[in-house]
Each structure stands twice: as C-alpha cells, then as structure tokens.
N, C-alpha and C. Protein backbone atom coordinates (compact mmCIF):
# COMPACT_ATOMS: atom_id res chain seq x y z
N MET A 1 -5.73 10.86 -15.99
CA MET A 1 -4.67 10.25 -14.58
C MET A 1 -4.42 8.75 -15.65
N ALA A 2 -2.68 8.70 -15.76
CA ALA A 2 -2.13 8.26 -15.38
C ALA A 2 -2.15 6.42 -15.28
N HIS A 3 -2.19 5.55 -14.94
CA HIS A 3 -1.60 4.29 -13.59
C HIS A 3 -0.55 4.62 -13.00
N MET A 4 -0.36 3.86 -11.35
CA MET A 4 1.21 4.12 -11.40
C MET A 4 1.30 4.47 -9.65
N ILE A 5 2.34 3.40 -8.91
CA ILE A 5 2.62 3.25 -8.21
C ILE A 5 3.38 4.82 -7.80
N THR A 6 3.66 5.04 -7.00
CA THR A 6 4.42 5.76 -6.40
C THR A 6 5.41 6.20 -4.88
N ASN A 7 6.83 6.22 -4.77
CA ASN A 7 7.65 6.01 -3.65
C ASN A 7 7.18 7.14 -2.46
N ALA A 8 6.33 7.25 -1.58
CA ALA A 8 7.12 8.35 -0.16
C ALA A 8 8.00 8.00 1.03
N GLU A 9 8.68 8.77 1.63
CA GLU A 9 9.30 7.96 2.92
C GLU A 9 10.51 6.55 2.66
N ASN A 10 10.63 6.80 1.96
CA ASN A 10 11.19 6.21 1.82
C ASN A 10 10.83 4.76 1.73
N GLY A 11 10.13 3.81 0.87
CA GLY A 11 9.49 2.92 0.64
C GLY A 11 8.95 2.40 1.91
N ARG A 12 8.24 3.13 2.85
CA ARG A 12 7.56 3.06 3.73
C ARG A 12 6.01 3.56 3.72
N ILE A 13 6.29 4.08 3.05
CA ILE A 13 4.59 4.54 1.57
C ILE A 13 4.41 4.56 0.38
N TYR A 14 3.49 3.24 0.01
CA TYR A 14 3.55 3.96 -1.81
C TYR A 14 2.00 4.20 -1.59
N ARG A 15 1.64 4.98 -2.61
CA ARG A 15 0.62 5.54 -3.11
C ARG A 15 0.00 5.58 -4.74
N VAL A 16 -1.02 4.62 -4.79
CA VAL A 16 -1.39 4.00 -5.73
C VAL A 16 -3.07 4.26 -6.57
N THR A 17 -2.71 4.11 -8.16
CA THR A 17 -3.61 5.27 -8.43
C THR A 17 -3.98 4.99 -9.42
N GLY A 18 -5.42 4.77 -10.64
CA GLY A 18 -5.15 3.64 -12.10
C GLY A 18 -7.09 4.84 -12.23
N GLU A 19 -6.45 3.71 -13.87
CA GLU A 19 -7.64 4.98 -14.64
C GLU A 19 -8.89 3.10 -14.39
N SER A 20 -8.90 2.36 -14.46
CA SER A 20 -9.31 1.06 -13.80
C SER A 20 -9.23 -0.24 -12.73
N ALA A 21 -10.12 -0.72 -13.27
CA ALA A 21 -10.41 -1.18 -11.84
C ALA A 21 -8.77 -2.51 -11.53
N HIS A 22 -9.01 -3.04 -12.98
CA HIS A 22 -7.72 -4.26 -13.60
C HIS A 22 -6.54 -3.68 -12.73
N VAL A 23 -5.89 -2.28 -13.38
CA VAL A 23 -4.64 -1.08 -13.59
C VAL A 23 -4.83 -1.28 -11.79
N VAL A 24 -5.51 -1.25 -11.15
CA VAL A 24 -5.69 -0.92 -9.80
C VAL A 24 -4.71 -1.60 -8.80
N ASN A 25 -6.05 -2.71 -9.11
CA ASN A 25 -5.75 -3.99 -8.69
C ASN A 25 -4.32 -4.03 -9.01
N GLU A 26 -3.91 -4.95 -10.23
CA GLU A 26 -2.38 -4.98 -10.09
C GLU A 26 -1.16 -3.76 -9.00
N ASN A 27 -1.59 -3.00 -9.19
CA ASN A 27 -0.45 -1.60 -9.16
C ASN A 27 -0.55 -2.28 -7.62
N LEU A 28 -2.00 -2.11 -6.81
CA LEU A 28 -2.66 -2.48 -5.12
C LEU A 28 -1.45 -4.11 -5.00
N ASN A 29 -1.38 -4.21 -5.60
CA ASN A 29 -1.32 -6.42 -4.80
C ASN A 29 0.79 -5.88 -5.44
N ALA A 30 1.01 -4.93 -6.28
CA ALA A 30 2.30 -5.09 -6.15
C ALA A 30 3.22 -3.66 -5.24
N ALA A 31 2.52 -3.12 -5.15
CA ALA A 31 1.96 -2.15 -4.25
C ALA A 31 2.68 -3.01 -1.97
N VAL A 32 1.43 -3.70 -2.11
CA VAL A 32 1.34 -4.42 -1.35
C VAL A 32 2.84 -5.39 -1.07
N GLU A 33 3.18 -6.52 -2.15
CA GLU A 33 4.23 -7.27 -2.12
C GLU A 33 5.42 -5.82 -1.60
N LEU A 34 5.22 -4.87 -1.55
CA LEU A 34 6.57 -4.06 -2.06
C LEU A 34 6.61 -3.94 -0.62
N ALA A 35 5.73 -2.99 -0.07
CA ALA A 35 6.03 -2.51 1.84
C ALA A 35 6.03 -3.97 2.33
N GLN A 36 5.16 -5.40 2.00
CA GLN A 36 5.42 -6.44 3.12
C GLN A 36 6.97 -7.03 2.87
N GLN A 37 7.65 -6.84 1.99
CA GLN A 37 9.22 -6.92 1.63
C GLN A 37 9.56 -6.21 2.56
N ASP A 38 9.68 -4.53 2.93
CA ASP A 38 10.20 -3.86 3.81
C ASP A 38 9.55 -4.16 5.50
N ALA A 39 8.51 -4.45 5.38
CA ALA A 39 8.19 -5.16 6.86
C ALA A 39 8.49 -6.16 7.10
N ILE A 40 8.71 -7.10 6.89
CA ILE A 40 9.28 -7.69 7.35
C ILE A 40 10.98 -7.77 6.73
N GLY A 41 12.26 -6.68 6.26
CA GLY A 41 13.48 -6.43 6.52
C GLY A 41 13.39 -5.69 7.88
N GLU A 42 12.48 -5.26 8.28
CA GLU A 42 12.30 -4.49 9.38
C GLU A 42 12.16 -5.73 10.76
N GLY A 43 11.33 -5.89 10.30
CA GLY A 43 10.87 -7.27 11.45
C GLY A 43 10.33 -7.49 13.08
N LYS A 44 9.10 -5.69 12.49
CA LYS A 44 8.74 -5.90 13.11
C LYS A 44 6.85 -4.36 13.74
N HIS A 45 7.38 -4.44 11.99
CA HIS A 45 5.75 -4.31 11.94
C HIS A 45 4.92 -4.50 10.76
N GLY A 46 3.59 -4.38 10.35
CA GLY A 46 2.56 -4.61 9.69
C GLY A 46 2.47 -3.97 8.77
N VAL A 47 1.70 -3.93 7.66
CA VAL A 47 1.39 -3.11 6.47
C VAL A 47 0.15 -2.98 6.49
N LEU A 48 -0.41 -1.86 6.39
CA LEU A 48 -1.54 -1.00 6.53
C LEU A 48 -1.88 -0.85 5.03
N VAL A 49 -3.34 -1.41 4.22
CA VAL A 49 -3.89 -0.88 3.27
C VAL A 49 -4.92 0.67 2.85
N THR A 50 -4.98 0.76 2.88
CA THR A 50 -5.82 2.46 2.93
C THR A 50 -6.83 2.67 1.80
N ARG A 51 -8.08 2.71 1.68
CA ARG A 51 -8.43 3.52 0.42
C ARG A 51 -8.76 4.66 0.91
N HIS A 52 -8.60 5.66 -0.12
CA HIS A 52 -8.94 7.71 -0.05
C HIS A 52 -10.10 7.57 -0.95
N GLY A 53 -10.32 6.29 -2.18
CA GLY A 53 -11.42 6.97 -3.10
C GLY A 53 -11.58 5.80 -4.03
N HIS A 54 -12.10 6.27 -4.87
CA HIS A 54 -12.41 4.72 -6.20
C HIS A 54 -11.58 4.69 -6.49
N ALA A 55 -10.14 4.52 -6.50
CA ALA A 55 -8.71 4.85 -7.23
C ALA A 55 -7.64 4.85 -6.21
N SER A 56 -8.19 5.59 -5.58
CA SER A 56 -6.74 5.94 -5.07
C SER A 56 -6.33 4.91 -3.34
N PHE A 57 -4.89 4.79 -3.47
CA PHE A 57 -5.65 3.95 -2.52
C PHE A 57 -3.78 4.17 -1.73
N THR A 58 -3.17 4.22 -0.39
CA THR A 58 -1.87 4.53 0.08
C THR A 58 -1.66 2.43 1.06
N VAL A 59 -0.13 2.28 0.83
CA VAL A 59 0.15 1.32 1.06
C VAL A 59 1.45 1.42 1.60
N ALA A 60 1.18 1.24 3.46
CA ALA A 60 2.31 1.49 3.85
C ALA A 60 2.75 0.64 4.62
N VAL A 61 4.32 0.06 5.69
CA VAL A 61 4.73 -0.10 6.41
C VAL A 61 4.01 0.69 7.70
N SER A 62 3.54 -0.10 9.07
CA SER A 62 2.61 0.68 10.41
C SER A 62 2.30 0.04 10.93
N GLY A 63 3.11 0.65 12.46
CA GLY A 63 3.19 0.45 13.31
C GLY A 63 2.67 0.10 14.28
N ASP A 64 0.91 0.54 13.60
CA ASP A 64 -0.42 0.29 14.08
C ASP A 64 -0.55 -0.87 13.97
N VAL A 65 0.26 -1.70 13.11
CA VAL A 65 -0.70 -2.99 12.07
C VAL A 65 0.87 -3.97 12.64
N PRO A 66 0.10 -5.41 13.88
CA PRO A 66 1.58 -5.94 14.38
C PRO A 66 2.34 -6.33 12.39
N TYR A 67 3.42 -7.18 13.60
CA TYR A 67 4.31 -7.83 12.12
C TYR A 67 3.80 -8.77 11.45
N GLY A 68 3.73 -9.19 10.59
CA GLY A 68 3.20 -10.65 9.45
C GLY A 68 1.67 -10.14 8.99
N ILE A 69 1.26 -9.26 9.79
CA ILE A 69 -0.26 -8.82 9.30
C ILE A 69 -0.65 -7.75 8.50
N THR A 70 -1.65 -8.07 7.05
CA THR A 70 -1.44 -6.73 6.51
C THR A 70 -3.43 -5.91 6.55
N ARG A 71 -2.82 -5.10 7.01
CA ARG A 71 -4.92 -4.96 7.42
C ARG A 71 -5.56 -3.78 5.61
N GLU A 72 -6.64 -2.79 5.93
CA GLU A 72 -7.67 -2.67 5.05
C GLU A 72 -8.27 -1.71 5.76
N CYS A 73 -8.54 -0.80 5.85
CA CYS A 73 -9.27 0.46 6.10
C CYS A 73 -9.20 1.20 4.79
N GLU A 74 -10.72 1.89 5.25
CA GLU A 74 -10.81 2.95 3.81
C GLU A 74 -10.90 4.38 5.17
N HIS A 75 -10.59 5.20 3.91
CA HIS A 75 -10.80 6.78 5.08
C HIS A 75 -11.24 8.00 3.26
N TRP A 76 -12.34 7.83 3.43
CA TRP A 76 -12.97 8.67 2.27
C TRP A 76 -12.86 10.10 2.49
C-alpha cells in the first residue's frame, strides 16, 4: 500500500494511510494542518483525529469538537 492522504467531503475529511510509522506520522501531521485550516475558515468546529487501525486514520472537521480544539479517538 502506498502512503497517502486522500480527501473526501470537500476538505472536511482526510483519510491517512502508510507503510511505516514515519510516513503515517508525516501524513497525519499534514492532514491535521489541512483540517485545522478548514476549521479556522469555518470558525465554528474543531478537528477530530480517529485511528481505525495500525496505519489507518481519518482527520475530520467535526461539529462534535469545539472550535480551536483537536481531539483524538480510536475506532478499531
């Protein structure tokens, strides 16, 4: 599997995968920055980072997270 960040829902959700911890970490940081920019642009939501597996994450602008906050959770 190639490392990647894919976009869904017009910039509100980024899917992050990778073959190594280093690649996943780099892509995850980049996706969080993109989602934070999206959230700042809206001015009313925060960012939710969800771990779905060893090397699978989603990063989303979320109405469940207060503005200015980034939260993490696991959903295995």
